[in-house]
Amino acid sequence: MARCLQLAKLGQGSVAPNPMVGAVLVHNDRIIGEGYHRQYGGAHAEVECLSAVKEEDQHLVSEATLYVSLEPCAHFGKTPPCADLLIQKGIQHVVIGCRDPFYQVDGKGIEKLKAAGINVTVGILEEACKELNKHFFTYYSAHRPYITLKWAQSGDGKIAAFNRRTYISDAATNRIVHSWRSQHQSILVGTNTALFDDPALTTRLWPGGSPLRLVIDKQLRLPVSLQLFNGEHKTIVFNTLQDKEHYNLTHYRLDPSKKLVPQIVKALGGMNVQSLLVEGGAQVLQCFIDEGLWNEARIITAPQLFIGKGIEAPVLKNGKPFHTEQIAADRIYYFKNAALY
């Protein structure tokens, strides 16, 4: 199962909104096939695994044990049901990391395998399997995206100087941030961050697809010359004035009489967006914190940098630290929302 998880991670950034899944076929303690879900819409891990079995080992398939990190699907989606394939191949034992929370699966794959007389074991490295697909599990259990908050702050607790772009983290850390972008389906900034930083919000410093770009611009005052509006990637502008769609740009109207952040989170859930990276600014981040709408926070600190007068960093509430790492001169602190875990 540990090998299944290693394989599954190879699909990171390429399979969403599907989960990352790895599969390994074992006969008498020898791996005769392995595979993972490589691309959204492509073959599932079980198909890849069985296709990888060499011709000289084909006769062993029905005697082998299949290990898979997530319950095999039992429905027709973009591909046929994997449970049917395992039955067809005559596999006698299937070991599953964890159950699939997706309503069209959610135990149905396990039931189908058992009904066919297959010996099924469930719950091997279960927590690790769930953690791997925390975006997927959060979406189907909480009916909203998994929300990661990210900001960089100086040694004196400032997120930026007033009214100008402020570089806090170094080049090595910036590459890490772009890897985070590739792991999320969407990324959000507020009006001031868009205006003063003019971010592209892409993964140009890391391989993998760029996320859906989101910006809050209540009064539609941002200039069209910003990189967010270059048409290269889909962008949604959350505003309080209009609904409009043109090419890669969508204006999504929010109700000005209600809190904006819960509306945004609900809207993304309706769009099947399973993960959101909130990059700023301070006011937007604080709104997510105050609403309790976050799962994880990643705070980059440059201890050697002092800004003096500037914008105060957000105040994290209910933050439970779980990891720290040093990247060049920067230190990254990782927190989980203690109210949820």
C-alpha atoms as a PDB file:
ATOM      1  CA  MET A   1       0.000   0.000   0.000  1.00  0.00           C
ATOM      2  CA  ALA A   2       2.935   2.321   0.661  1.00  0.00           C
ATOM      3  CA  ARG A   3       4.000   1.743  -2.948  1.00  0.00           C
ATOM      4  CA  CYS A   4       0.448   2.552  -4.086  1.00  0.00           C
ATOM      5  CA  LEU A   5       0.728   5.914  -2.346  1.00  0.00           C
ATOM      6  CA  GLN A   6       4.113   6.604  -3.964  1.00  0.00           C
ATOM      7  CA  LEU A   7       2.640   5.908  -7.376  1.00  0.00           C
ATOM      8  CA  ALA A   8      -0.525   7.910  -6.709  1.00  0.00           C
ATOM      9  CA  LYS A   9       1.489  11.070  -5.922  1.00  0.00           C
ATOM     10  CA  LEU A  10       2.883  11.000  -9.458  1.00  0.00           C
ATOM     11  CA  GLY A  11      -0.534  12.155 -10.642  1.00  0.00           C
ATOM     12  CA  GLN A  12      -0.481  15.260  -8.450  1.00  0.00           C
ATOM     13  CA  GLY A  13      -1.575  18.344 -10.343  1.00  0.00           C
ATOM     14  CA  SER A  14      -2.855  16.346 -13.325  1.00  0.00           C
ATOM     15  CA  VAL A  15      -5.916  14.387 -12.217  1.00  0.00           C
ATOM     16  CA  ALA A  16      -8.174  16.836 -10.323  1.00  0.00           C
ATOM     17  CA  PRO A  17     -11.089  16.823  -9.796  1.00  0.00           C
ATOM     18  CA  ASN A  18     -10.474  13.067  -9.765  1.00  0.00           C
ATOM     19  CA  PRO A  19      -8.482  11.674  -6.816  1.00  0.00           C
ATOM     20  CA  MET A  20      -4.884  10.493  -7.009  1.00  0.00           C
ATOM     21  CA  VAL A  21      -4.808   6.680  -6.998  1.00  0.00           C
ATOM     22  CA  GLY A  22      -2.079   4.067  -7.212  1.00  0.00           C
ATOM     23  CA  ALA A  23      -2.384   0.298  -7.735  1.00  0.00           C
ATOM     24  CA  VAL A  24       0.015  -2.623  -7.391  1.00  0.00           C
ATOM     25  CA  LEU A  25      -0.527  -6.260  -8.422  1.00  0.00           C
ATOM     26  CA  VAL A  26       1.405  -8.818  -6.357  1.00  0.00           C
ATOM     27  CA  HIS A  27       1.919 -12.556  -6.888  1.00  0.00           C
ATOM     28  CA  ASN A  28       3.849 -14.520  -4.253  1.00  0.00           C
ATOM     29  CA  ASP A  29       5.512 -11.343  -2.903  1.00  0.00           C
ATOM     30  CA  ARG A  30       6.561 -10.238  -6.394  1.00  0.00           C
ATOM     31  CA  ILE A  31       5.132  -7.136  -8.064  1.00  0.00           C
ATOM     32  CA  ILE A  32       3.966  -8.119 -11.530  1.00  0.00           C
ATOM     33  CA  GLY A  33       2.182  -4.889 -12.390  1.00  0.00           C
ATOM     34  CA  GLU A  34       1.738  -1.359 -11.102  1.00  0.00           C
ATOM     35  CA  GLY A  35       0.133   1.851 -12.279  1.00  0.00           C
ATOM     36  CA  TYR A  36      -1.470   5.135 -11.270  1.00  0.00           C
ATOM     37  CA  HIS A  37      -4.085   7.596 -12.501  1.00  0.00           C
ATOM     38  CA  ARG A  38      -2.001   9.853 -14.741  1.00  0.00           C
ATOM     39  CA  GLN A  39      -4.416  12.341 -16.263  1.00  0.00           C
ATOM     40  CA  TYR A  40      -7.994  13.477 -15.692  1.00  0.00           C
ATOM     41  CA  GLY A  41     -10.189  11.591 -18.155  1.00  0.00           C
ATOM     42  CA  GLY A  42      -7.512   8.952 -18.691  1.00  0.00           C
ATOM     43  CA  ALA A  43      -7.210   5.354 -17.534  1.00  0.00           C
ATOM     44  CA  HIS A  44      -7.617   4.708 -13.813  1.00  0.00           C
ATOM     45  CA  ALA A  45      -4.860   3.195 -11.692  1.00  0.00           C
ATOM     46  CA  GLU A  46      -6.292  -0.332 -11.834  1.00  0.00           C
ATOM     47  CA  VAL A  47      -6.390  -0.267 -15.648  1.00  0.00           C
ATOM     48  CA  GLU A  48      -2.820   1.059 -15.833  1.00  0.00           C
ATOM     49  CA  CYS A  49      -1.664  -1.592 -13.380  1.00  0.00           C
ATOM     50  CA  LEU A  50      -3.218  -4.544 -15.215  1.00  0.00           C
ATOM     51  CA  SER A  51      -2.036  -3.216 -18.582  1.00  0.00           C
ATOM     52  CA  ALA A  52       1.535  -3.159 -17.242  1.00  0.00           C
ATOM     53  CA  VAL A  53       1.620  -6.911 -16.597  1.00  0.00           C
ATOM     54  CA  LYS A  54       4.072  -8.557 -18.967  1.00  0.00           C
ATOM     55  CA  GLU A  55       2.896 -11.236 -21.362  1.00  0.00           C
ATOM     56  CA  GLU A  56       4.837 -13.955 -19.524  1.00  0.00           C
ATOM     57  CA  ASP A  57       3.057 -13.032 -16.262  1.00  0.00           C
ATOM     58  CA  GLN A  58      -0.480 -12.811 -17.633  1.00  0.00           C
ATOM     59  CA  HIS A  59      -1.357 -16.311 -16.410  1.00  0.00           C
ATOM     60  CA  LEU A  60      -0.611 -15.170 -12.829  1.00  0.00           C
ATOM     61  CA  VAL A  61      -3.144 -12.323 -12.766  1.00  0.00           C
ATOM     62  CA  SER A  62      -6.049 -14.401 -11.471  1.00  0.00           C
ATOM     63  CA  GLU A  63      -3.858 -15.708  -8.648  1.00  0.00           C
ATOM     64  CA  ALA A  64      -2.495 -12.289  -7.661  1.00  0.00           C
ATOM     65  CA  THR A  65      -3.569  -9.748  -5.039  1.00  0.00           C
ATOM     66  CA  LEU A  66      -4.398  -6.238  -6.168  1.00  0.00           C
ATOM     67  CA  TYR A  67      -3.535  -3.387  -3.815  1.00  0.00           C
ATOM     68  CA  VAL A  68      -5.202  -0.043  -4.551  1.00  0.00           C
ATOM     69  CA  SER A  69      -5.155   3.155  -2.470  1.00  0.00           C
ATOM     70  CA  LEU A  70      -8.824   4.039  -3.091  1.00  0.00           C
ATOM     71  CA  GLU A  71     -11.950   1.948  -3.565  1.00  0.00           C
ATOM     72  CA  PRO A  72     -12.385   0.873  -7.224  1.00  0.00           C
ATOM     73  CA  CYS A  73     -15.171   2.755  -8.986  1.00  0.00           C
ATOM     74  CA  ALA A  74     -18.452   1.006  -9.723  1.00  0.00           C
ATOM     75  CA  HIS A  75     -20.011   3.462 -12.172  1.00  0.00           C
ATOM     76  CA  PHE A  76     -19.579   4.599 -15.757  1.00  0.00           C
ATOM     77  CA  GLY A  77     -17.883   7.995 -15.848  1.00  0.00           C
ATOM     78  CA  LYS A  78     -15.239   8.989 -18.355  1.00  0.00           C
ATOM     79  CA  THR A  79     -14.071   5.355 -18.132  1.00  0.00           C
ATOM     80  CA  PRO A  80     -15.861   2.019 -17.434  1.00  0.00           C
ATOM     81  CA  PRO A  81     -16.144   0.700 -13.846  1.00  0.00           C
ATOM     82  CA  CYS A  82     -12.833  -0.618 -12.500  1.00  0.00           C
ATOM     83  CA  ALA A  83     -14.669  -3.067 -10.233  1.00  0.00           C
ATOM     84  CA  ASP A  84     -16.040  -4.799 -13.341  1.00  0.00           C
ATOM     85  CA  LEU A  85     -12.529  -5.095 -14.785  1.00  0.00           C
ATOM     86  CA  LEU A  86     -11.192  -6.750 -11.630  1.00  0.00           C
ATOM     87  CA  ILE A  87     -14.062  -9.227 -11.687  1.00  0.00           C
ATOM     88  CA  GLN A  88     -13.485  -9.921 -15.378  1.00  0.00           C
ATOM     89  CA  LYS A  89      -9.791 -10.592 -14.753  1.00  0.00           C
ATOM     90  CA  GLY A  90     -10.661 -13.148 -12.069  1.00  0.00           C
ATOM     91  CA  ILE A  91      -8.676 -11.488  -9.282  1.00  0.00           C
ATOM     92  CA  GLN A  92      -9.435 -13.233  -6.007  1.00  0.00           C
ATOM     93  CA  HIS A  93      -8.161 -10.719  -3.415  1.00  0.00           C
ATOM     94  CA  VAL A  94      -8.311  -6.898  -3.429  1.00  0.00           C
ATOM     95  CA  VAL A  95      -6.724  -4.792  -0.688  1.00  0.00           C
ATOM     96  CA  ILE A  96      -8.110  -1.235  -0.493  1.00  0.00           C
ATOM     97  CA  GLY A  97      -6.573   1.719   1.321  1.00  0.00           C
ATOM     98  CA  CYS A  98      -9.792   3.596   1.986  1.00  0.00           C
ATOM     99  CA  ARG A  99     -13.383   3.894   0.888  1.00  0.00           C
ATOM    100  CA  ASP A 100     -14.306   6.437  -1.803  1.00  0.00           C
ATOM    101  CA  PRO A 101     -16.620   9.225  -0.493  1.00  0.00           C
ATOM    102  CA  PHE A 102     -17.947  10.073  -3.977  1.00  0.00           C
ATOM    103  CA  TYR A 103     -21.678   9.328  -3.891  1.00  0.00           C
ATOM    104  CA  GLN A 104     -21.611   7.213  -7.062  1.00  0.00           C
ATOM    105  CA  VAL A 105     -19.010   4.924  -5.488  1.00  0.00           C
ATOM    106  CA  ASP A 106     -19.075   5.155  -1.643  1.00  0.00           C
ATOM    107  CA  GLY A 107     -19.044   1.436  -0.873  1.00  0.00           C
ATOM    108  CA  LYS A 108     -20.649   0.303  -4.128  1.00  0.00           C
ATOM    109  CA  GLY A 109     -17.314  -0.817  -5.573  1.00  0.00           C
ATOM    110  CA  ILE A 110     -16.585  -2.880  -2.472  1.00  0.00           C
ATOM    111  CA  GLU A 111     -20.076  -4.406  -2.546  1.00  0.00           C
ATOM    112  CA  LYS A 112     -19.734  -5.315  -6.216  1.00  0.00           C
ATOM    113  CA  LEU A 113     -16.397  -7.059  -5.617  1.00  0.00           C
ATOM    114  CA  LYS A 114     -17.726  -8.998  -2.629  1.00  0.00           C
ATOM    115  CA  ALA A 115     -20.866 -10.003  -4.532  1.00  0.00           C
ATOM    116  CA  ALA A 116     -18.594 -11.531  -7.165  1.00  0.00           C
ATOM    117  CA  GLY A 117     -16.899 -13.656  -4.506  1.00  0.00           C
ATOM    118  CA  ILE A 118     -13.725 -11.602  -4.258  1.00  0.00           C
ATOM    119  CA  ASN A 119     -11.996 -11.397  -0.870  1.00  0.00           C
ATOM    120  CA  VAL A 120     -11.828  -7.673   0.003  1.00  0.00           C
ATOM    121  CA  THR A 121      -9.698  -6.046   2.716  1.00  0.00           C
ATOM    122  CA  VAL A 122     -10.328  -2.361   3.507  1.00  0.00           C
ATOM    123  CA  GLY A 123      -8.485   0.170   5.676  1.00  0.00           C
ATOM    124  CA  ILE A 124      -4.790  -0.428   5.057  1.00  0.00           C
ATOM    125  CA  LEU A 125      -2.820   2.815   5.692  1.00  0.00           C
ATOM    126  CA  GLU A 126      -6.267   4.388   5.685  1.00  0.00           C
ATOM    127  CA  GLU A 127      -5.320   7.771   7.182  1.00  0.00           C
ATOM    128  CA  ALA A 128      -2.386   8.185   4.789  1.00  0.00           C
ATOM    129  CA  CYS A 129      -4.675   7.359   1.864  1.00  0.00           C
ATOM    130  CA  LYS A 130      -7.203   9.970   3.020  1.00  0.00           C
ATOM    131  CA  GLU A 131      -4.496  12.563   3.608  1.00  0.00           C
ATOM    132  CA  LEU A 132      -3.202  12.086   0.074  1.00  0.00           C
ATOM    133  CA  ASN A 133      -6.619  13.063  -1.283  1.00  0.00           C
ATOM    134  CA  LYS A 134      -7.595  15.578   1.406  1.00  0.00           C
ATOM    135  CA  HIS A 135      -8.956  17.976  -1.236  1.00  0.00           C
ATOM    136  CA  PHE A 136     -11.212  15.259  -2.655  1.00  0.00           C
ATOM    137  CA  PHE A 137     -12.380  14.047   0.766  1.00  0.00           C
ATOM    138  CA  THR A 138     -13.086  17.557   2.061  1.00  0.00           C
ATOM    139  CA  TYR A 139     -15.113  18.401  -1.012  1.00  0.00           C
ATOM    140  CA  TYR A 140     -17.400  15.378  -0.653  1.00  0.00           C
ATOM    141  CA  SER A 141     -17.698  15.534   3.139  1.00  0.00           C
ATOM    142  CA  ALA A 142     -17.961  19.325   3.714  1.00  0.00           C
ATOM    143  CA  HIS A 143     -19.381  20.152   0.254  1.00  0.00           C
ATOM    144  CA  ARG A 144     -16.814  22.894  -0.289  1.00  0.00           C
ATOM    145  CA  PRO A 145     -13.210  23.177  -1.467  1.00  0.00           C
ATOM    146  CA  TYR A 146     -10.244  22.353   0.736  1.00  0.00           C
ATOM    147  CA  ILE A 147      -8.952  25.830   1.556  1.00  0.00           C
ATOM    148  CA  THR A 148      -5.270  26.616   2.008  1.00  0.00           C
ATOM    149  CA  LEU A 149      -4.241  30.071   3.188  1.00  0.00           C
ATOM    150  CA  LYS A 150      -0.804  31.334   2.231  1.00  0.00           C
ATOM    151  CA  TRP A 151       1.071  34.495   2.967  1.00  0.00           C
ATOM    152  CA  ALA A 152       4.614  35.768   3.396  1.00  0.00           C
ATOM    153  CA  GLN A 153       5.497  38.064   6.269  1.00  0.00           C
ATOM    154  CA  SER A 154       8.544  39.974   7.419  1.00  0.00           C
ATOM    155  CA  GLY A 155      10.367  39.508  10.693  1.00  0.00           C
ATOM    156  CA  ASP A 156       8.320  42.353  12.159  1.00  0.00           C
ATOM    157  CA  GLY A 157       5.003  40.817  11.113  1.00  0.00           C
ATOM    158  CA  LYS A 158       4.209  42.838   7.996  1.00  0.00           C
ATOM    159  CA  ILE A 159       2.717  41.355   4.845  1.00  0.00           C
ATOM    160  CA  ALA A 160       3.672  44.329   2.655  1.00  0.00           C
ATOM    161  CA  ALA A 161       4.657  47.977   2.644  1.00  0.00           C
ATOM    162  CA  PHE A 162       1.877  50.488   1.983  1.00  0.00           C
ATOM    163  CA  ASN A 163       0.653  50.854  -1.617  1.00  0.00           C
ATOM    164  CA  ARG A 164       3.545  49.123  -3.359  1.00  0.00           C
ATOM    165  CA  ARG A 165       4.688  45.633  -4.235  1.00  0.00           C
ATOM    166  CA  THR A 166       6.895  44.178  -1.543  1.00  0.00           C
ATOM    167  CA  TYR A 167       9.195  41.200  -2.119  1.00  0.00           C
ATOM    168  CA  ILE A 168       9.487  39.132   1.046  1.00  0.00           C
ATOM    169  CA  SER A 169      10.302  35.520   0.160  1.00  0.00           C
ATOM    170  CA  ASP A 170      13.355  34.529  -1.868  1.00  0.00           C
ATOM    171  CA  ALA A 171      13.581  32.782  -5.256  1.00  0.00           C
ATOM    172  CA  ALA A 172      13.785  29.249  -3.836  1.00  0.00           C
ATOM    173  CA  THR A 173      10.655  29.774  -1.744  1.00  0.00           C
ATOM    174  CA  ASN A 174       8.842  31.268  -4.728  1.00  0.00           C
ATOM    175  CA  ARG A 175       9.370  28.015  -6.614  1.00  0.00           C
ATOM    176  CA  ILE A 176       7.821  26.123  -3.700  1.00  0.00           C
ATOM    177  CA  VAL A 177       4.823  28.467  -3.821  1.00  0.00           C
ATOM    178  CA  HIS A 178       4.383  27.714  -7.521  1.00  0.00           C
ATOM    179  CA  SER A 179       4.394  23.995  -6.711  1.00  0.00           C
ATOM    180  CA  TRP A 180       1.556  24.708  -4.250  1.00  0.00           C
ATOM    181  CA  ARG A 181      -0.323  26.473  -7.038  1.00  0.00           C
ATOM    182  CA  SER A 182       0.026  23.406  -9.269  1.00  0.00           C
ATOM    183  CA  GLN A 183      -1.543  21.289  -6.508  1.00  0.00           C
ATOM    184  CA  HIS A 184      -4.676  23.443  -6.200  1.00  0.00           C
ATOM    185  CA  GLN A 185      -7.535  23.810  -8.640  1.00  0.00           C
ATOM    186  CA  SER A 186      -8.031  27.509  -7.937  1.00  0.00           C
ATOM    187  CA  ILE A 187      -6.207  30.521  -6.530  1.00  0.00           C
ATOM    188  CA  LEU A 188      -7.678  33.730  -5.096  1.00  0.00           C
ATOM    189  CA  VAL A 189      -6.463  37.279  -4.490  1.00  0.00           C
ATOM    190  CA  GLY A 190      -8.203  40.487  -3.480  1.00  0.00           C
ATOM    191  CA  THR A 191      -8.464  43.798  -5.289  1.00  0.00           C
ATOM    192  CA  ASN A 192      -5.430  45.490  -3.738  1.00  0.00           C
ATOM    193  CA  THR A 193      -3.137  42.513  -4.295  1.00  0.00           C
ATOM    194  CA  ALA A 194      -4.194  42.385  -7.942  1.00  0.00           C
ATOM    195  CA  LEU A 195      -3.729  46.136  -8.325  1.00  0.00           C
ATOM    196  CA  PHE A 196      -0.369  46.630  -6.618  1.00  0.00           C
ATOM    197  CA  ASP A 197       1.318  43.267  -7.297  1.00  0.00           C
ATOM    198  CA  ASP A 198      -0.158  42.564 -10.761  1.00  0.00           C
ATOM    199  CA  PRO A 199       0.292  38.778 -10.247  1.00  0.00           C
ATOM    200  CA  ALA A 200      -0.074  36.277 -13.086  1.00  0.00           C
ATOM    201  CA  LEU A 201      -1.146  33.532 -10.623  1.00  0.00           C
ATOM    202  CA  THR A 202       0.335  30.824 -12.849  1.00  0.00           C
ATOM    203  CA  THR A 203       2.770  27.955 -12.278  1.00  0.00           C
ATOM    204  CA  ARG A 204       5.460  29.345 -14.574  1.00  0.00           C
ATOM    205  CA  LEU A 205       8.189  28.395 -12.043  1.00  0.00           C
ATOM    206  CA  TRP A 206       6.971  24.800 -11.674  1.00  0.00           C
ATOM    207  CA  PRO A 207       5.785  22.062 -14.070  1.00  0.00           C
ATOM    208  CA  GLY A 208       2.075  21.381 -14.138  1.00  0.00           C
ATOM    209  CA  GLY A 209      -1.126  23.152 -15.034  1.00  0.00           C
ATOM    210  CA  SER A 210      -2.046  26.592 -13.730  1.00  0.00           C
ATOM    211  CA  PRO A 211      -5.038  26.928 -11.395  1.00  0.00           C
ATOM    212  CA  LEU A 212      -8.312  28.690 -12.086  1.00  0.00           C
ATOM    213  CA  ARG A 213      -7.596  32.353 -11.318  1.00  0.00           C
ATOM    214  CA  LEU A 214      -9.996  34.161  -8.982  1.00  0.00           C
ATOM    215  CA  VAL A 215     -10.056  37.803  -7.948  1.00  0.00           C
ATOM    216  CA  ILE A 216     -12.396  39.812  -5.750  1.00  0.00           C
ATOM    217  CA  ASP A 217     -13.216  43.139  -7.373  1.00  0.00           C
ATOM    218  CA  LYS A 218     -16.503  44.304  -5.870  1.00  0.00           C
ATOM    219  CA  GLN A 219     -16.843  47.514  -7.888  1.00  0.00           C
ATOM    220  CA  LEU A 220     -14.992  46.332 -11.032  1.00  0.00           C
ATOM    221  CA  ARG A 221     -12.300  48.952 -10.691  1.00  0.00           C
ATOM    222  CA  LEU A 222      -9.309  46.853 -11.728  1.00  0.00           C
ATOM    223  CA  PRO A 223      -7.715  47.899 -15.060  1.00  0.00           C
ATOM    224  CA  VAL A 224      -7.915  45.449 -17.958  1.00  0.00           C
ATOM    225  CA  SER A 225      -4.160  45.805 -18.454  1.00  0.00           C
ATOM    226  CA  LEU A 226      -3.450  43.499 -15.486  1.00  0.00           C
ATOM    227  CA  GLN A 227      -1.951  40.063 -16.162  1.00  0.00           C
ATOM    228  CA  LEU A 228      -5.061  38.448 -14.678  1.00  0.00           C
ATOM    229  CA  PHE A 229      -7.003  39.661 -17.705  1.00  0.00           C
ATOM    230  CA  ASN A 230      -4.568  38.551 -20.415  1.00  0.00           C
ATOM    231  CA  GLY A 231      -6.874  35.720 -21.497  1.00  0.00           C
ATOM    232  CA  GLU A 232      -4.161  33.061 -21.205  1.00  0.00           C
ATOM    233  CA  HIS A 233      -5.950  31.224 -18.381  1.00  0.00           C
ATOM    234  CA  LYS A 234      -9.526  31.184 -17.177  1.00  0.00           C
ATOM    235  CA  THR A 235     -10.246  33.941 -14.658  1.00  0.00           C
ATOM    236  CA  ILE A 236     -13.335  34.604 -12.531  1.00  0.00           C
ATOM    237  CA  VAL A 237     -13.994  38.078 -11.145  1.00  0.00           C
ATOM    238  CA  PHE A 238     -16.199  38.010  -8.054  1.00  0.00           C
ATOM    239  CA  ASN A 239     -18.066  41.313  -7.956  1.00  0.00           C
ATOM    240  CA  THR A 240     -21.324  42.870  -6.793  1.00  0.00           C
ATOM    241  CA  LEU A 241     -22.404  44.440 -10.097  1.00  0.00           C
ATOM    242  CA  GLN A 242     -22.812  41.955 -12.927  1.00  0.00           C
ATOM    243  CA  ASP A 243     -22.815  38.428 -14.320  1.00  0.00           C
ATOM    244  CA  LYS A 244     -20.969  38.261 -17.618  1.00  0.00           C
ATOM    245  CA  GLU A 245     -18.878  35.791 -19.576  1.00  0.00           C
ATOM    246  CA  HIS A 246     -16.482  36.332 -22.452  1.00  0.00           C
ATOM    247  CA  TYR A 247     -13.828  33.847 -23.613  1.00  0.00           C
ATOM    248  CA  ASN A 248     -11.614  33.074 -20.564  1.00  0.00           C
ATOM    249  CA  LEU A 249     -13.096  35.807 -18.380  1.00  0.00           C
ATOM    250  CA  THR A 250     -16.183  35.356 -16.201  1.00  0.00           C
ATOM    251  CA  HIS A 251     -17.804  37.980 -14.005  1.00  0.00           C
ATOM    252  CA  TYR A 252     -19.683  36.328 -11.139  1.00  0.00           C
ATOM    253  CA  ARG A 253     -22.063  38.560  -9.224  1.00  0.00           C
ATOM    254  CA  LEU A 254     -22.272  38.226  -5.436  1.00  0.00           C
ATOM    255  CA  ASP A 255     -25.003  39.597  -3.194  1.00  0.00           C
ATOM    256  CA  PRO A 256     -23.612  42.805  -1.619  1.00  0.00           C
ATOM    257  CA  SER A 257     -25.972  42.468   1.345  1.00  0.00           C
ATOM    258  CA  LYS A 258     -24.342  39.194   2.425  1.00  0.00           C
ATOM    259  CA  LYS A 259     -20.802  38.221   3.440  1.00  0.00           C
ATOM    260  CA  LEU A 260     -18.703  37.666   0.346  1.00  0.00           C
ATOM    261  CA  VAL A 261     -16.360  34.873   1.464  1.00  0.00           C
ATOM    262  CA  PRO A 262     -19.084  32.281   2.254  1.00  0.00           C
ATOM    263  CA  GLN A 263     -20.694  33.118  -1.106  1.00  0.00           C
ATOM    264  CA  ILE A 264     -17.398  32.566  -2.921  1.00  0.00           C
ATOM    265  CA  VAL A 265     -16.810  29.231  -1.182  1.00  0.00           C
ATOM    266  CA  LYS A 266     -20.350  28.087  -1.999  1.00  0.00           C
ATOM    267  CA  ALA A 267     -19.981  29.191  -5.630  1.00  0.00           C
ATOM    268  CA  LEU A 268     -16.742  27.218  -6.022  1.00  0.00           C
ATOM    269  CA  GLY A 269     -18.396  24.146  -4.538  1.00  0.00           C
ATOM    270  CA  GLY A 270     -21.092  24.426  -7.194  1.00  0.00           C
ATOM    271  CA  MET A 271     -18.395  24.606  -9.870  1.00  0.00           C
ATOM    272  CA  ASN A 272     -16.833  21.306  -8.687  1.00  0.00           C
ATOM    273  CA  VAL A 273     -13.695  23.175  -7.560  1.00  0.00           C
ATOM    274  CA  GLN A 274     -12.238  20.943  -4.856  1.00  0.00           C
ATOM    275  CA  SER A 275      -9.318  23.069  -3.678  1.00  0.00           C
ATOM    276  CA  LEU A 276      -8.577  26.749  -3.200  1.00  0.00           C
ATOM    277  CA  LEU A 277      -5.296  28.511  -2.461  1.00  0.00           C
ATOM    278  CA  VAL A 278      -5.878  31.968  -0.973  1.00  0.00           C
ATOM    279  CA  GLU A 279      -2.825  34.169  -1.599  1.00  0.00           C
ATOM    280  CA  GLY A 280      -4.041  37.483  -0.253  1.00  0.00           C
ATOM    281  CA  GLY A 281      -4.138  40.208   0.631  1.00  0.00           C
ATOM    282  CA  ALA A 282      -4.336  40.622   4.382  1.00  0.00           C
ATOM    283  CA  GLN A 283      -8.007  41.626   4.451  1.00  0.00           C
ATOM    284  CA  VAL A 284      -9.135  38.720   2.279  1.00  0.00           C
ATOM    285  CA  LEU A 285      -7.091  36.232   4.300  1.00  0.00           C
ATOM    286  CA  GLN A 286      -8.463  37.588   7.563  1.00  0.00           C
ATOM    287  CA  CYS A 287     -12.026  37.203   6.282  1.00  0.00           C
ATOM    288  CA  PHE A 288     -11.437  33.481   5.617  1.00  0.00           C
ATOM    289  CA  ILE A 289      -9.861  33.110   9.080  1.00  0.00           C
ATOM    290  CA  ASP A 290     -12.687  34.949  10.849  1.00  0.00           C
ATOM    291  CA  GLU A 291     -15.299  32.832   9.063  1.00  0.00           C
ATOM    292  CA  GLY A 292     -13.428  29.653  10.001  1.00  0.00           C
ATOM    293  CA  LEU A 293     -13.370  28.742   6.309  1.00  0.00           C
ATOM    294  CA  TRP A 294      -9.897  27.279   6.031  1.00  0.00           C
ATOM    295  CA  ASN A 295      -8.251  23.885   6.412  1.00  0.00           C
ATOM    296  CA  GLU A 296      -4.566  24.704   6.280  1.00  0.00           C
ATOM    297  CA  ALA A 297      -2.356  27.792   6.545  1.00  0.00           C
ATOM    298  CA  ARG A 298       1.191  28.129   5.262  1.00  0.00           C
ATOM    299  CA  ILE A 299       3.045  31.166   6.573  1.00  0.00           C
ATOM    300  CA  ILE A 300       6.374  32.085   5.001  1.00  0.00           C
ATOM    301  CA  THR A 301       8.507  34.188   7.329  1.00  0.00           C
ATOM    302  CA  ALA A 302      11.622  36.139   6.362  1.00  0.00           C
ATOM    303  CA  PRO A 303      13.145  36.714   9.837  1.00  0.00           C
ATOM    304  CA  GLN A 304      15.930  38.926   8.521  1.00  0.00           C
ATOM    305  CA  LEU A 305      13.560  41.381   6.805  1.00  0.00           C
ATOM    306  CA  PHE A 306      12.035  44.339   8.640  1.00  0.00           C
ATOM    307  CA  ILE A 307       9.561  46.562   6.807  1.00  0.00           C
ATOM    308  CA  GLY A 308       8.626  49.011   9.529  1.00  0.00           C
ATOM    309  CA  LYS A 309       5.455  50.854   8.578  1.00  0.00           C
ATOM    310  CA  GLY A 310       3.306  48.574   6.491  1.00  0.00           C
ATOM    311  CA  ILE A 311       0.320  46.230   6.335  1.00  0.00           C
ATOM    312  CA  GLU A 312       0.008  43.933   9.330  1.00  0.00           C
ATOM    313  CA  ALA A 313      -0.036  40.193   8.598  1.00  0.00           C
ATOM    314  CA  PRO A 314      -3.305  38.334   9.265  1.00  0.00           C
ATOM    315  CA  VAL A 315      -3.932  36.973  12.765  1.00  0.00           C
ATOM    316  CA  LEU A 316      -4.419  33.226  12.598  1.00  0.00           C
ATOM    317  CA  LYS A 317      -7.082  31.794  14.919  1.00  0.00           C
ATOM    318  CA  ASN A 318      -7.341  28.118  15.909  1.00  0.00           C
ATOM    319  CA  GLY A 319      -4.049  27.367  14.201  1.00  0.00           C
ATOM    320  CA  LYS A 320      -2.563  23.990  15.131  1.00  0.00           C
ATOM    321  CA  PRO A 321       1.104  23.768  14.010  1.00  0.00           C
ATOM    322  CA  PHE A 322       2.095  20.502  12.357  1.00  0.00           C
ATOM    323  CA  HIS A 323       5.215  21.168  10.303  1.00  0.00           C
ATOM    324  CA  THR A 324       8.064  23.653   9.841  1.00  0.00           C
ATOM    325  CA  GLU A 325      10.683  23.794   7.116  1.00  0.00           C
ATOM    326  CA  GLN A 326      13.614  26.001   6.211  1.00  0.00           C
ATOM    327  CA  ILE A 327      13.988  27.088   2.569  1.00  0.00           C
ATOM    328  CA  ALA A 328      17.167  29.138   2.083  1.00  0.00           C
ATOM    329  CA  ALA A 329      16.738  32.147   4.405  1.00  0.00           C
ATOM    330  CA  ASP A 330      12.987  31.670   4.794  1.00  0.00           C
ATOM    331  CA  ARG A 331      11.096  29.585   7.308  1.00  0.00           C
ATOM    332  CA  ILE A 332       7.692  28.104   6.434  1.00  0.00           C
ATOM    333  CA  TYR A 333       5.235  27.335   9.216  1.00  0.00           C
ATOM    334  CA  TYR A 334       2.344  24.961   8.497  1.00  0.00           C
ATOM    335  CA  PHE A 335      -0.904  24.999  10.496  1.00  0.00           C
ATOM    336  CA  LYS A 336      -4.171  23.080  10.440  1.00  0.00           C
ATOM    337  CA  ASN A 337      -7.499  24.488  11.560  1.00  0.00           C
ATOM    338  CA  ALA A 338      -7.827  23.082  15.087  1.00  0.00           C
ATOM    339  CA  ALA A 339     -11.592  23.581  14.914  1.00  0.00           C
ATOM    340  CA  LEU A 340     -11.764  20.952  12.158  1.00  0.00           C
ATOM    341  CA  TYR A 341      -9.124  18.414  13.225  1.00  0.00           C
END
